[in-house]
């Protein structure tokens, strides 16, 4: 029997293993897989606290500060992708990266997607194929390098392949809560990477901040790209697009945009890895 949040009294109500294919990829000392138990989710939340609250500008609740974990209602319903450094010996200290994943069925159990608090995502919900919300991406400061990010993306690729996902989406953040200071990158995203109307999320009216404060011909693309966080640039490299309107998140000290990524490019890269790895194993066996 699963206990309610009130019965348990803690920030994590229950852990429910999710259905679907496995994610388990090794690269040197680093391994990526889904959290297997509540203790591992707690470790992911502790990493999120260190990155979002201690290092960045997120404002934790008193309980979060006491526990040194960043968590919310949605955690109970999501899959938690973990990067682990197995040279650290296992346990909470080995979790060095995380990504939170929520599919359509999980959102139905939860009642909504996280992004729906900031954006009208009705066009994504109406899409007939598989959709997956991604968020709470963070990596330990000592592991912010290409190898870790490539492993995270390979883990996501494995997940979307196994769960037949066509579209990724989610809120991505620019630092700071003053949209005027972000007019260059926001205007660049609006003019050059807006999601097609058939799928476009739109910021909720009460939170909507226009992104096109600069005309297209006034934008220095190189400077605009330099001003974008690496994660958003990574989405763009995968063909990602941006919903209409930005949203200020005072709790996290950020200005958010909604990213939409069709998974074609991701799965093509996954297939190349898969075929190459299978060919390598076949050669070794021969």
Protein backbone atom coordinates (compact mmCIF):
# COMPACT_ATOMS: atom_id res chain seq x y z
CA UNK A 1 0.00 0.00 0.00
CA UNK A 2 1.35 3.42 -0.95
CA UNK A 3 1.29 6.03 1.78
CA UNK A 4 0.13 9.55 1.13
CA UNK A 5 2.39 12.55 1.53
CA UNK A 6 0.50 13.49 4.69
CA UNK A 7 0.91 9.97 6.15
CA UNK A 8 4.61 9.93 5.41
CA UNK A 9 5.04 13.52 6.56
CA UNK A 10 8.03 14.12 4.28
CA UNK A 11 8.69 15.86 0.99
CA UNK A 12 8.76 12.55 -0.92
CA UNK A 13 5.45 10.72 -0.78
CA UNK A 14 6.33 7.47 -2.50
CA UNK A 15 8.57 5.81 -5.04
CA UNK A 16 6.87 3.92 -7.85
CA UNK A 17 9.04 2.10 -10.41
CA UNK A 18 8.03 3.12 -13.93
CA UNK A 19 7.34 0.89 -16.90
CA UNK A 20 9.41 0.93 -20.06
CA UNK A 21 12.79 -0.10 -21.37
CA UNK A 22 15.94 0.26 -19.31
CA UNK A 23 18.42 3.13 -19.47
CA UNK A 24 21.87 1.87 -18.54
CA UNK A 25 24.91 3.25 -20.35
CA UNK A 26 28.51 3.16 -19.15
CA UNK A 27 31.34 5.49 -20.18
CA UNK A 28 34.52 5.06 -18.16
CA UNK A 29 33.72 5.71 -14.50
CA UNK A 30 30.43 7.37 -15.41
CA UNK A 31 27.17 5.48 -15.71
CA UNK A 32 23.71 6.78 -16.59
CA UNK A 33 20.50 5.06 -15.56
CA UNK A 34 17.15 5.74 -13.92
CA UNK A 35 16.91 6.12 -10.16
CA UNK A 36 16.12 2.70 -8.71
CA UNK A 37 14.81 3.67 -5.28
CA UNK A 38 13.79 6.55 -3.07
CA UNK A 39 17.29 7.02 -1.66
CA UNK A 40 18.61 7.72 -5.16
CA UNK A 41 15.85 10.25 -5.79
CA UNK A 42 16.83 11.91 -2.52
CA UNK A 43 20.41 12.07 -3.80
CA UNK A 44 19.21 13.72 -7.02
CA UNK A 45 17.27 16.25 -4.96
CA UNK A 46 20.37 16.93 -2.87
CA UNK A 47 22.35 17.63 -6.05
CA UNK A 48 19.57 19.95 -7.23
CA UNK A 49 19.76 21.80 -3.91
CA UNK A 50 23.52 22.28 -4.23
CA UNK A 51 23.21 23.60 -7.77
CA UNK A 52 19.95 25.56 -7.75
CA UNK A 53 19.87 26.84 -4.16
CA UNK A 54 23.44 26.96 -2.84
CA UNK A 55 25.18 27.84 -6.11
CA UNK A 56 22.47 29.71 -8.02
CA UNK A 57 19.59 31.98 -6.99
CA UNK A 58 16.74 29.59 -6.13
CA UNK A 59 14.98 30.30 -2.84
CA UNK A 60 14.38 27.09 -0.87
CA UNK A 61 11.59 26.64 1.65
CA UNK A 62 12.58 26.28 5.29
CA UNK A 63 12.11 22.53 5.06
CA UNK A 64 14.25 22.28 1.92
CA UNK A 65 17.00 24.26 3.63
CA UNK A 66 16.89 21.96 6.64
CA UNK A 67 17.01 18.81 4.51
CA UNK A 68 19.34 20.36 1.88
CA UNK A 69 17.18 18.92 -0.88
CA UNK A 70 15.26 20.69 -3.65
CA UNK A 71 11.97 18.92 -4.36
CA UNK A 72 8.38 19.48 -5.39
CA UNK A 73 5.04 17.74 -5.92
CA UNK A 74 5.99 16.47 -9.38
CA UNK A 75 8.98 14.40 -8.21
CA UNK A 76 6.71 11.58 -7.05
CA UNK A 77 5.43 11.01 -10.57
CA UNK A 78 8.59 11.43 -12.65
CA UNK A 79 11.44 9.26 -13.74
CA UNK A 80 14.78 10.59 -12.52
CA UNK A 81 17.73 10.09 -14.84
CA UNK A 82 21.02 9.92 -12.94
CA UNK A 83 24.66 10.23 -13.90
CA UNK A 84 26.75 8.34 -11.36
CA UNK A 85 30.51 8.40 -10.88
CA UNK A 86 31.12 4.84 -9.77
CA UNK A 87 34.64 5.71 -8.62
CA UNK A 88 32.96 7.50 -5.70
CA UNK A 89 31.89 4.15 -4.31
CA UNK A 90 28.13 4.34 -4.69
CA UNK A 91 25.56 6.05 -2.51
CA UNK A 92 24.40 9.66 -2.61
CA UNK A 93 27.89 11.05 -3.22
CA UNK A 94 28.12 9.23 -6.55
CA UNK A 95 25.18 11.14 -8.14
CA UNK A 96 26.79 13.91 -10.23
CA UNK A 97 24.07 14.68 -12.76
CA UNK A 98 20.31 14.42 -13.07
CA UNK A 99 17.38 15.09 -15.41
CA UNK A 100 13.70 14.78 -14.55
CA UNK A 101 11.40 13.09 -17.08
CA UNK A 102 7.58 13.02 -17.19
CA UNK A 103 5.52 11.30 -19.87
CA UNK A 104 1.85 11.62 -20.71
CA UNK A 105 0.66 8.80 -18.43
CA UNK A 106 2.62 10.14 -15.47
CA UNK A 107 1.18 13.62 -16.04
CA UNK A 108 -2.32 12.14 -16.07
CA UNK A 109 -1.67 10.52 -12.68
CA UNK A 110 -0.16 13.74 -11.36
CA UNK A 111 -2.89 15.95 -12.79
CA UNK A 112 -0.77 18.13 -15.07
CA UNK A 113 2.68 18.74 -16.51
CA UNK A 114 5.01 21.10 -14.65
CA UNK A 115 5.20 23.42 -17.67
CA UNK A 116 1.42 23.97 -17.56
CA UNK A 117 1.90 26.28 -14.57
CA UNK A 118 3.73 28.72 -16.87
CA UNK A 119 2.53 27.90 -20.39
CA UNK A 120 -0.57 26.93 -22.32
CA UNK A 121 0.64 23.60 -23.72
CA UNK A 122 -2.73 22.50 -25.12
CA UNK A 123 -1.32 22.07 -28.63
CA UNK A 124 1.33 19.69 -27.33
CA UNK A 125 -1.30 17.79 -25.35
CA UNK A 126 -3.39 17.44 -28.51
CA UNK A 127 -0.47 15.91 -30.40
CA UNK A 128 -1.25 12.24 -31.06
CA UNK A 129 2.29 10.88 -30.59
CA UNK A 130 4.44 10.39 -27.53
CA UNK A 131 5.47 13.51 -25.62
CA UNK A 132 7.95 13.85 -22.77
CA UNK A 133 8.52 16.78 -20.44
CA UNK A 134 12.13 17.27 -19.33
CA UNK A 135 13.41 19.54 -16.61
CA UNK A 136 15.44 20.01 -13.42
CA UNK A 137 18.61 19.36 -15.39
CA UNK A 138 21.77 19.93 -13.39
CA UNK A 139 25.33 18.65 -13.14
CA UNK A 140 27.81 18.84 -10.28
CA UNK A 141 30.28 21.69 -10.75
CA UNK A 142 33.25 19.33 -11.11
CA UNK A 143 31.54 17.37 -13.92
CA UNK A 144 30.38 20.16 -16.23
CA UNK A 145 32.12 18.99 -19.34
CA UNK A 146 31.31 17.55 -22.73
CA UNK A 147 31.62 13.94 -21.60
CA UNK A 148 28.96 14.29 -18.91
CA UNK A 149 26.56 16.19 -21.17
CA UNK A 150 26.99 13.66 -23.98
CA UNK A 151 26.19 10.87 -21.53
CA UNK A 152 23.08 12.72 -20.34
CA UNK A 153 21.88 13.13 -23.91
CA UNK A 154 22.60 9.49 -24.68
CA UNK A 155 20.54 8.50 -21.65
CA UNK A 156 17.66 10.68 -22.83
CA UNK A 157 18.00 9.22 -26.34
CA UNK A 158 17.75 5.70 -24.93
CA UNK A 159 14.69 6.67 -22.92
CA UNK A 160 12.83 8.30 -25.81
CA UNK A 161 13.66 5.38 -28.10
CA UNK A 162 12.37 2.82 -25.59
CA UNK A 163 9.23 4.86 -24.81
CA UNK A 164 8.42 5.88 -28.41
CA UNK A 165 8.67 9.62 -27.73
CA UNK A 166 8.23 12.04 -30.65
CA UNK A 167 8.52 15.38 -28.87
CA UNK A 168 10.47 16.65 -25.87
CA UNK A 169 9.43 19.85 -24.20
CA UNK A 170 9.98 21.75 -20.98
CA UNK A 171 10.92 25.02 -19.35
CA UNK A 172 14.52 26.14 -19.74
CA UNK A 173 15.99 29.06 -17.85
CA UNK A 174 18.07 32.15 -18.43
CA UNK A 175 19.67 33.60 -15.27
CA UNK A 176 18.04 36.64 -13.69
CA UNK A 177 14.53 38.01 -13.28
CA UNK A 178 14.89 41.22 -15.30
CA UNK A 179 13.71 40.45 -18.85
CA UNK A 180 14.96 43.86 -20.04
CA UNK A 181 18.53 42.74 -19.36
CA UNK A 182 17.84 39.62 -21.45
CA UNK A 183 16.30 41.39 -24.45
CA UNK A 184 19.09 40.33 -26.81
CA UNK A 185 18.89 36.53 -26.30
CA UNK A 186 15.09 36.58 -25.92
CA UNK A 187 14.63 38.59 -29.12
CA UNK A 188 17.04 36.29 -30.96
CA UNK A 189 15.04 33.24 -29.86
CA UNK A 190 11.78 34.88 -30.92
CA UNK A 191 12.94 35.92 -34.37
CA UNK A 192 14.95 32.81 -35.27
CA UNK A 193 13.67 29.81 -33.29
CA UNK A 194 9.93 30.22 -32.65
CA UNK A 195 7.97 26.95 -32.52
CA UNK A 196 5.60 26.41 -35.47
CA UNK A 197 2.01 27.48 -34.65
CA UNK A 198 0.68 23.90 -34.72
CA UNK A 199 2.71 22.97 -31.61
CA UNK A 200 3.54 26.35 -30.10
CA UNK A 201 3.28 26.77 -26.31
CA UNK A 202 2.28 30.27 -25.24
CA UNK A 203 3.01 31.81 -21.85
CA UNK A 204 -0.08 32.15 -19.70
CA UNK A 205 -1.59 35.66 -20.02
CA UNK A 206 -0.97 36.61 -16.41
CA UNK A 207 2.73 35.70 -16.73
CA UNK A 208 3.38 36.55 -20.39
CA UNK A 209 6.47 38.65 -21.17
CA UNK A 210 7.02 39.66 -24.78
CA UNK A 211 10.27 38.35 -26.23
CA UNK A 212 10.53 40.61 -29.31
CA UNK A 213 11.68 43.86 -27.73
CA UNK A 214 14.41 44.15 -30.38
CA UNK A 215 13.72 44.04 -34.14
CA UNK A 216 15.36 41.26 -36.10
CA UNK A 217 17.81 43.56 -37.89
CA UNK A 218 19.13 44.93 -34.58
CA UNK A 219 20.28 41.53 -33.31
CA UNK A 220 23.92 40.49 -33.27
CA UNK A 221 23.56 36.74 -33.59
CA UNK A 222 27.01 35.96 -32.24
CA UNK A 223 26.42 38.06 -29.11
CA UNK A 224 22.94 36.62 -28.69
CA UNK A 225 24.24 33.05 -28.81
CA UNK A 226 27.00 33.95 -26.37
CA UNK A 227 24.33 35.17 -23.95
CA UNK A 228 22.36 31.91 -24.06
CA UNK A 229 22.95 29.22 -21.40
CA UNK A 230 24.65 26.04 -22.69
CA UNK A 231 21.53 23.91 -22.17
CA UNK A 232 19.37 26.12 -24.40
CA UNK A 233 22.10 26.17 -27.06
CA UNK A 234 22.18 22.38 -26.84
CA UNK A 235 18.46 22.20 -27.51
CA UNK A 236 18.83 24.54 -30.49
CA UNK A 237 21.60 22.36 -31.95
CA UNK A 238 19.13 19.47 -31.86
CA UNK A 239 16.61 21.49 -33.83
CA UNK A 240 14.77 22.77 -30.80
CA UNK A 241 12.32 25.66 -31.01
CA UNK A 242 10.97 28.12 -28.46
CA UNK A 243 7.40 28.87 -27.39
CA UNK A 244 5.96 32.37 -27.42
CA UNK A 245 6.47 34.52 -24.35
CA UNK A 246 8.93 34.36 -21.48
CA UNK A 247 8.00 33.83 -17.83
CA UNK A 248 9.79 35.12 -14.72
CA UNK A 249 10.28 32.49 -12.01
CA UNK A 250 10.98 34.42 -8.83
CA UNK A 251 11.52 31.28 -6.76
CA UNK A 252 14.39 30.14 -8.97
CA UNK A 253 15.69 33.60 -9.84
CA UNK A 254 15.32 32.90 -13.57
CA UNK A 255 13.50 33.92 -16.72
CA UNK A 256 12.04 30.87 -18.42
CA UNK A 257 11.31 29.94 -22.01
CA UNK A 258 9.49 26.82 -23.21
CA UNK A 259 11.57 24.56 -25.44
CA UNK A 260 10.09 22.07 -27.93
CA UNK A 261 12.32 19.46 -29.58
CA UNK A 262 11.23 16.88 -32.14
CA UNK A 263 13.25 13.79 -31.34
CA UNK A 264 14.29 12.86 -34.90
CA UNK A 265 17.84 14.19 -34.56
CA UNK A 266 18.29 12.66 -31.11
CA UNK A 267 17.15 9.20 -32.18
CA UNK A 268 19.33 9.33 -35.29
CA UNK A 269 22.36 9.92 -33.06
CA UNK A 270 21.18 7.12 -30.78
CA UNK A 271 20.88 4.71 -33.72
CA UNK A 272 24.45 5.55 -34.77
CA UNK A 273 25.71 4.76 -31.25
CA UNK A 274 23.61 1.60 -31.09
CA UNK A 275 24.77 0.26 -34.46
CA UNK A 276 28.39 1.17 -33.77
CA UNK A 277 28.33 -0.51 -30.35
CA UNK A 278 26.67 -3.66 -31.72
CA UNK A 279 29.21 -3.85 -34.56
CA UNK A 280 32.03 -3.47 -32.02
CA UNK A 281 30.67 -6.27 -29.83
CA UNK A 282 30.16 -8.51 -32.86
CA UNK A 283 33.77 -7.95 -33.91
CA UNK A 284 35.07 -8.77 -30.46
CA UNK A 285 32.97 -11.94 -30.32
CA UNK A 286 34.31 -13.09 -33.71
